[in-house]
Amino acid sequence: MADWGQFAKKNLPMLAVLVVIVVAVVFVLADRWRRGAFVFGVATLLAAVFRLMMPSERVGLLAVRSKPFDVGALVAVGGAIVWLAVSIDPLGTD
């Protein structure tokens, strides 16, 4: 159990992002794909904030490349997903 606690403590930012992604998947499975896409984009932007604000040793699995590259890529992808989710005409759906 101590190993799980140590893993969770080291990877807390990644686990928080994963929780938001699970919420997005629940929305998609409930046939609310626009809300799910929006929440997924928010999860990506949350990952960018964690990567920007925390030292590389504390972000765990969110650190892939250099900090500027990671933050730029996450903001670009997350912003695009949020923009698409908000801008698509719902045509009677959510």
Protein backbone atom coordinates (compact mmCIF):
# COMPACT_ATOMS: atom_id res chain seq x y z
CA MET A 1 0.00 0.00 0.00
CA ALA A 2 2.91 2.34 0.69
CA ASP A 3 4.07 1.93 -2.90
CA TRP A 4 0.67 3.06 -4.22
CA GLY A 5 0.68 6.09 -1.91
CA GLN A 6 4.16 7.07 -3.04
CA PHE A 7 3.17 6.62 -6.71
CA ALA A 8 0.00 8.68 -6.21
CA LYS A 9 1.90 11.45 -4.44
CA LYS A 10 4.53 11.67 -7.17
CA ASN A 11 1.97 11.55 -9.99
CA LEU A 12 -0.83 13.60 -8.41
CA PRO A 13 -1.06 16.07 -11.33
CA MET A 14 -1.38 13.21 -13.82
CA LEU A 15 -3.99 11.48 -11.67
CA ALA A 16 -6.02 14.71 -11.48
CA VAL A 17 -5.94 15.00 -15.27
CA LEU A 18 -6.98 11.35 -15.57
CA VAL A 19 -9.99 11.96 -13.31
CA VAL A 20 -11.14 14.78 -15.61
CA ILE A 21 -10.61 12.52 -18.64
CA VAL A 22 -12.78 9.84 -17.00
CA VAL A 23 -15.53 12.45 -16.58
CA ALA A 24 -15.18 13.27 -20.30
CA VAL A 25 -15.50 9.59 -21.22
CA VAL A 26 -18.63 9.28 -19.07
CA PHE A 27 -20.17 12.22 -20.95
CA VAL A 28 -19.33 10.63 -24.30
CA LEU A 29 -20.74 7.26 -23.22
CA ALA A 30 -23.92 9.04 -22.07
CA ASP A 31 -24.29 10.36 -25.64
CA ARG A 32 -23.19 13.90 -24.72
CA TRP A 33 -20.25 14.02 -27.10
CA ARG A 34 -19.94 17.82 -27.27
CA ARG A 35 -19.75 18.11 -23.48
CA GLY A 36 -17.32 15.19 -23.41
CA ALA A 37 -15.11 16.85 -26.02
CA PHE A 38 -15.22 20.11 -24.07
CA VAL A 39 -14.25 18.40 -20.80
CA PHE A 40 -11.47 16.51 -22.58
CA GLY A 41 -10.11 19.82 -23.90
CA VAL A 42 -10.28 21.25 -20.38
CA ALA A 43 -8.32 18.22 -19.12
CA THR A 44 -5.64 18.95 -21.71
CA LEU A 45 -5.48 22.60 -20.66
CA LEU A 46 -5.30 21.50 -17.02
CA ALA A 47 -2.31 19.34 -17.93
CA ALA A 48 -0.71 22.40 -19.54
CA VAL A 49 -1.22 24.44 -16.37
CA PHE A 50 0.29 21.70 -14.21
CA ARG A 51 3.27 21.40 -16.57
CA LEU A 52 3.79 25.17 -16.57
CA MET A 53 3.45 25.77 -12.83
CA MET A 54 5.21 22.76 -11.34
CA PRO A 55 8.86 21.71 -11.52
CA SER A 56 9.65 18.84 -13.85
CA GLU A 57 10.34 16.51 -10.91
CA ARG A 58 6.79 16.97 -9.57
CA VAL A 59 4.65 16.60 -12.69
CA GLY A 60 5.44 12.92 -13.11
CA LEU A 61 4.24 11.50 -16.40
CA LEU A 62 3.18 14.90 -17.77
CA ALA A 63 6.83 15.72 -18.47
CA VAL A 64 7.58 14.32 -21.92
CA ARG A 65 9.88 16.82 -23.61
CA SER A 66 11.09 20.26 -22.58
CA LYS A 67 8.72 22.43 -20.56
CA PRO A 68 8.13 25.00 -23.36
CA PHE A 69 7.36 22.26 -25.89
CA ASP A 70 5.02 20.38 -23.54
CA VAL A 71 3.12 23.52 -22.52
CA GLY A 72 2.86 24.79 -26.09
CA ALA A 73 1.64 21.47 -27.45
CA LEU A 74 -0.89 20.97 -24.66
CA VAL A 75 -2.26 24.51 -24.98
CA ALA A 76 -2.54 24.20 -28.77
CA VAL A 77 -4.31 20.83 -28.67
CA GLY A 78 -6.49 21.66 -25.66
CA GLY A 79 -7.45 25.05 -27.07
CA ALA A 80 -8.34 23.51 -30.43
CA ILE A 81 -10.50 20.83 -28.80
CA VAL A 82 -12.34 23.36 -26.62
CA TRP A 83 -12.83 25.72 -29.56
CA LEU A 84 -14.20 22.93 -31.77
CA ALA A 85 -16.51 21.66 -29.03
CA VAL A 86 -17.93 25.13 -28.47
CA SER A 87 -18.14 26.18 -32.12
CA ILE A 88 -19.81 23.11 -33.67
CA ASP A 89 -23.52 23.59 -34.28
CA PRO A 90 -25.35 21.12 -32.03
CA LEU A 91 -28.15 20.34 -34.54
CA GLY A 92 -30.47 19.37 -31.74
CA THR A 93 -27.90 17.40 -29.75
CA ASP A 94 -25.78 18.23 -26.70
